[in-house]
Amino acid sequence: MTDISATEAARTFSRLLDTIEHGGRSYTIVRHGRPVAHLAPVAAGSGAAVKDLLRAHRPDAAWRDDLDELRGLVQVEERP
């Protein structure tokens, strides 16, 4: 993760966002020599990742209802 001063981040915010969005870069915003924030790409989730998680953690009696409710929220993609 690259450090960038708060002043520089403010001056170049649009360019900074472009490098995060298109280049996948992450930054630590530093003010007066102290890290105060992180800017990083948003992690993208997928239905496959949710399905893998659900398959890896089989339900038990303590949380079966919660898991069934979550499974009900998963939408199967229909592809031609």
N, C-alpha and C. Protein backbone atom coordinates (compact mmCIF):
# COMPACT_ATOMS: atom_id res chain seq x y z
N MET A 1 0.85 -1.17 0.00
CA MET A 1 0.00 0.00 0.00
C MET A 1 0.90 1.23 0.00
N THR A 2 0.62 2.16 -0.88
CA THR A 2 1.41 3.36 -1.04
C THR A 2 0.91 4.47 -0.12
N ASP A 3 1.83 5.14 0.55
CA ASP A 3 1.46 6.30 1.38
C ASP A 3 1.31 7.53 0.50
N ILE A 4 0.33 8.35 0.83
CA ILE A 4 0.13 9.62 0.15
C ILE A 4 -0.34 10.63 1.19
N SER A 5 0.17 11.86 1.11
CA SER A 5 -0.23 12.87 2.08
C SER A 5 -1.68 13.29 1.84
N ALA A 6 -2.32 13.75 2.87
CA ALA A 6 -3.70 14.22 2.75
C ALA A 6 -3.79 15.36 1.76
N THR A 7 -2.81 16.23 1.77
CA THR A 7 -2.80 17.37 0.84
C THR A 7 -2.71 16.89 -0.60
N GLU A 8 -1.80 15.97 -0.87
CA GLU A 8 -1.65 15.44 -2.23
C GLU A 8 -2.90 14.66 -2.65
N ALA A 9 -3.49 13.91 -1.75
CA ALA A 9 -4.71 13.18 -2.06
C ALA A 9 -5.83 14.15 -2.45
N ALA A 10 -5.94 15.24 -1.72
CA ALA A 10 -6.98 16.24 -2.02
C ALA A 10 -6.74 16.89 -3.38
N ARG A 11 -5.47 17.20 -3.68
CA ARG A 11 -5.14 17.86 -4.95
C ARG A 11 -5.40 16.97 -6.15
N THR A 12 -5.17 15.67 -5.99
CA THR A 12 -5.22 14.75 -7.13
C THR A 12 -6.30 13.68 -6.95
N PHE A 13 -7.38 14.02 -6.27
CA PHE A 13 -8.36 13.03 -5.89
C PHE A 13 -8.93 12.25 -7.08
N SER A 14 -9.25 12.94 -8.15
CA SER A 14 -9.82 12.27 -9.32
C SER A 14 -8.83 11.26 -9.90
N ARG A 15 -7.59 11.67 -10.04
CA ARG A 15 -6.55 10.75 -10.56
C ARG A 15 -6.32 9.60 -9.60
N LEU A 16 -6.36 9.89 -8.31
CA LEU A 16 -6.20 8.87 -7.28
C LEU A 16 -7.30 7.81 -7.42
N LEU A 17 -8.54 8.26 -7.57
CA LEU A 17 -9.65 7.32 -7.75
C LEU A 17 -9.49 6.49 -9.02
N ASP A 18 -8.97 7.11 -10.09
CA ASP A 18 -8.74 6.37 -11.33
C ASP A 18 -7.74 5.24 -11.12
N THR A 19 -6.65 5.53 -10.40
CA THR A 19 -5.65 4.48 -10.19
C THR A 19 -6.19 3.37 -9.29
N ILE A 20 -7.09 3.71 -8.40
CA ILE A 20 -7.71 2.69 -7.56
C ILE A 20 -8.68 1.86 -8.38
N GLU A 21 -9.55 2.53 -9.12
CA GLU A 21 -10.59 1.83 -9.89
C GLU A 21 -10.00 1.00 -11.03
N HIS A 22 -9.09 1.59 -11.80
CA HIS A 22 -8.60 0.92 -13.00
C HIS A 22 -7.29 0.18 -12.79
N GLY A 23 -6.52 0.60 -11.82
CA GLY A 23 -5.22 -0.04 -11.60
C GLY A 23 -5.18 -0.95 -10.39
N GLY A 24 -6.26 -0.94 -9.59
CA GLY A 24 -6.30 -1.81 -8.42
C GLY A 24 -5.35 -1.40 -7.31
N ARG A 25 -4.86 -0.18 -7.34
CA ARG A 25 -3.90 0.29 -6.33
C ARG A 25 -4.61 0.62 -5.03
N SER A 26 -3.88 0.59 -3.94
CA SER A 26 -4.38 0.96 -2.62
C SER A 26 -3.47 2.01 -2.03
N TYR A 27 -4.03 2.89 -1.22
CA TYR A 27 -3.26 3.99 -0.64
C TYR A 27 -3.57 4.13 0.85
N THR A 28 -2.56 4.58 1.58
CA THR A 28 -2.74 5.01 2.96
C THR A 28 -2.62 6.53 2.98
N ILE A 29 -3.66 7.20 3.47
CA ILE A 29 -3.65 8.66 3.57
C ILE A 29 -2.95 9.03 4.87
N VAL A 30 -1.93 9.88 4.76
CA VAL A 30 -1.12 10.27 5.91
C VAL A 30 -1.29 11.75 6.17
N ARG A 31 -1.54 12.09 7.43
CA ARG A 31 -1.65 13.49 7.84
C ARG A 31 -0.69 13.72 9.00
N HIS A 32 0.19 14.70 8.85
CA HIS A 32 1.18 15.02 9.88
C HIS A 32 1.98 13.78 10.28
N GLY A 33 2.31 12.96 9.29
CA GLY A 33 3.14 11.79 9.53
C GLY A 33 2.42 10.59 10.11
N ARG A 34 1.11 10.70 10.31
CA ARG A 34 0.35 9.57 10.88
C ARG A 34 -0.66 9.05 9.87
N PRO A 35 -0.76 7.74 9.72
CA PRO A 35 -1.79 7.19 8.83
C PRO A 35 -3.17 7.45 9.41
N VAL A 36 -4.09 7.95 8.57
CA VAL A 36 -5.44 8.25 9.05
C VAL A 36 -6.53 7.51 8.28
N ALA A 37 -6.23 6.99 7.09
CA ALA A 37 -7.25 6.30 6.32
C ALA A 37 -6.60 5.43 5.25
N HIS A 38 -7.38 4.47 4.78
CA HIS A 38 -6.96 3.63 3.65
C HIS A 38 -7.97 3.82 2.53
N LEU A 39 -7.46 3.94 1.32
CA LEU A 39 -8.30 3.95 0.12
C LEU A 39 -7.91 2.73 -0.70
N ALA A 40 -8.89 1.88 -1.00
CA ALA A 40 -8.61 0.64 -1.71
C ALA A 40 -9.82 0.28 -2.57
N PRO A 41 -9.60 -0.54 -3.60
CA PRO A 41 -10.72 -0.98 -4.42
C PRO A 41 -11.74 -1.74 -3.58
N VAL A 42 -12.98 -1.61 -3.96
CA VAL A 42 -14.04 -2.37 -3.29
C VAL A 42 -13.96 -3.81 -3.76
N ALA A 43 -14.01 -4.72 -2.82
CA ALA A 43 -13.98 -6.14 -3.18
C ALA A 43 -15.30 -6.53 -3.82
N ALA A 44 -15.22 -7.17 -4.96
CA ALA A 44 -16.42 -7.61 -5.66
C ALA A 44 -16.77 -9.02 -5.21
N GLY A 45 -18.01 -9.20 -4.86
CA GLY A 45 -18.49 -10.53 -4.49
C GLY A 45 -19.21 -11.17 -5.67
N SER A 46 -19.41 -12.45 -5.57
CA SER A 46 -20.13 -13.15 -6.63
C SER A 46 -21.01 -14.22 -6.01
N GLY A 47 -21.99 -14.63 -6.77
CA GLY A 47 -22.85 -15.71 -6.32
C GLY A 47 -22.07 -16.99 -6.10
N ALA A 48 -21.07 -17.23 -6.93
CA ALA A 48 -20.25 -18.43 -6.78
C ALA A 48 -19.52 -18.43 -5.45
N ALA A 49 -19.05 -17.26 -5.03
CA ALA A 49 -18.35 -17.17 -3.74
C ALA A 49 -19.29 -17.47 -2.59
N VAL A 50 -20.52 -16.99 -2.69
CA VAL A 50 -21.51 -17.29 -1.64
C VAL A 50 -21.83 -18.77 -1.61
N LYS A 51 -22.03 -19.37 -2.79
CA LYS A 51 -22.31 -20.80 -2.85
C LYS A 51 -21.16 -21.62 -2.26
N ASP A 52 -19.92 -21.26 -2.59
CA ASP A 52 -18.77 -21.96 -2.04
C ASP A 52 -18.74 -21.86 -0.52
N LEU A 53 -19.04 -20.68 -0.01
CA LEU A 53 -19.07 -20.48 1.44
C LEU A 53 -20.15 -21.35 2.08
N LEU A 54 -21.32 -21.38 1.48
CA LEU A 54 -22.41 -22.18 2.03
C LEU A 54 -22.10 -23.68 1.96
N ARG A 55 -21.45 -24.11 0.90
CA ARG A 55 -21.07 -25.52 0.78
C ARG A 55 -20.00 -25.90 1.81
N ALA A 56 -19.10 -24.99 2.09
CA ALA A 56 -18.00 -25.27 3.02
C ALA A 56 -18.47 -25.32 4.47
N HIS A 57 -19.58 -24.66 4.78
CA HIS A 57 -20.07 -24.59 6.16
C HIS A 57 -21.47 -25.16 6.22
N ARG A 58 -21.55 -26.45 6.40
CA ARG A 58 -22.83 -27.13 6.48
C ARG A 58 -23.60 -26.66 7.70
N PRO A 59 -24.93 -26.61 7.58
CA PRO A 59 -25.74 -26.13 8.70
C PRO A 59 -25.73 -27.08 9.89
N ASP A 60 -25.86 -26.51 11.06
CA ASP A 60 -26.08 -27.31 12.25
C ASP A 60 -27.36 -26.80 12.91
N ALA A 61 -27.80 -27.48 13.93
CA ALA A 61 -29.09 -27.15 14.54
C ALA A 61 -29.12 -25.72 15.08
N ALA A 62 -27.99 -25.19 15.50
CA ALA A 62 -27.94 -23.87 16.13
C ALA A 62 -28.20 -22.74 15.13
N TRP A 63 -27.84 -22.93 13.87
CA TRP A 63 -28.03 -21.82 12.93
C TRP A 63 -28.64 -22.24 11.61
N ARG A 64 -29.29 -23.37 11.58
CA ARG A 64 -29.92 -23.88 10.35
C ARG A 64 -30.95 -22.90 9.78
N ASP A 65 -31.81 -22.32 10.63
CA ASP A 65 -32.84 -21.40 10.13
C ASP A 65 -32.22 -20.16 9.47
N ASP A 66 -31.17 -19.62 10.10
CA ASP A 66 -30.50 -18.46 9.50
C ASP A 66 -29.90 -18.81 8.15
N LEU A 67 -29.28 -19.97 8.07
CA LEU A 67 -28.66 -20.39 6.83
C LEU A 67 -29.71 -20.63 5.75
N ASP A 68 -30.82 -21.25 6.11
CA ASP A 68 -31.90 -21.46 5.15
C ASP A 68 -32.43 -20.12 4.62
N GLU A 69 -32.54 -19.14 5.50
CA GLU A 69 -32.99 -17.82 5.08
C GLU A 69 -31.99 -17.20 4.09
N LEU A 70 -30.71 -17.31 4.40
CA LEU A 70 -29.68 -16.78 3.49
C LEU A 70 -29.70 -17.49 2.15
N ARG A 71 -29.87 -18.81 2.17
CA ARG A 71 -29.93 -19.56 0.92
C ARG A 71 -31.12 -19.10 0.08
N GLY A 72 -32.19 -18.71 0.72
CA GLY A 72 -33.35 -18.21 0.00
C GLY A 72 -33.08 -16.90 -0.72
N LEU A 73 -32.06 -16.16 -0.28
CA LEU A 73 -31.71 -14.89 -0.91
C LEU A 73 -30.83 -15.05 -2.14
N VAL A 74 -30.21 -16.22 -2.30
CA VAL A 74 -29.33 -16.47 -3.43
C VAL A 74 -30.17 -16.67 -4.68
N GLN A 75 -29.85 -15.93 -5.71
CA GLN A 75 -30.56 -16.05 -6.98
C GLN A 75 -29.67 -16.78 -7.98
N VAL A 76 -30.23 -17.80 -8.59
CA VAL A 76 -29.50 -18.57 -9.57
C VAL A 76 -29.50 -17.81 -10.89
N GLU A 77 -28.32 -17.66 -11.46
CA GLU A 77 -28.22 -16.99 -12.76
C GLU A 77 -28.67 -17.94 -13.85
N GLU A 78 -29.51 -17.43 -14.72
CA GLU A 78 -29.91 -18.23 -15.88
C GLU A 78 -29.15 -17.72 -17.08
N ARG A 79 -28.45 -18.63 -17.73
CA ARG A 79 -27.65 -18.25 -18.88
C ARG A 79 -28.19 -18.98 -20.11
N PRO A 80 -28.15 -18.29 -21.25
CA PRO A 80 -28.66 -18.93 -22.48
C PRO A 80 -27.78 -20.06 -22.96
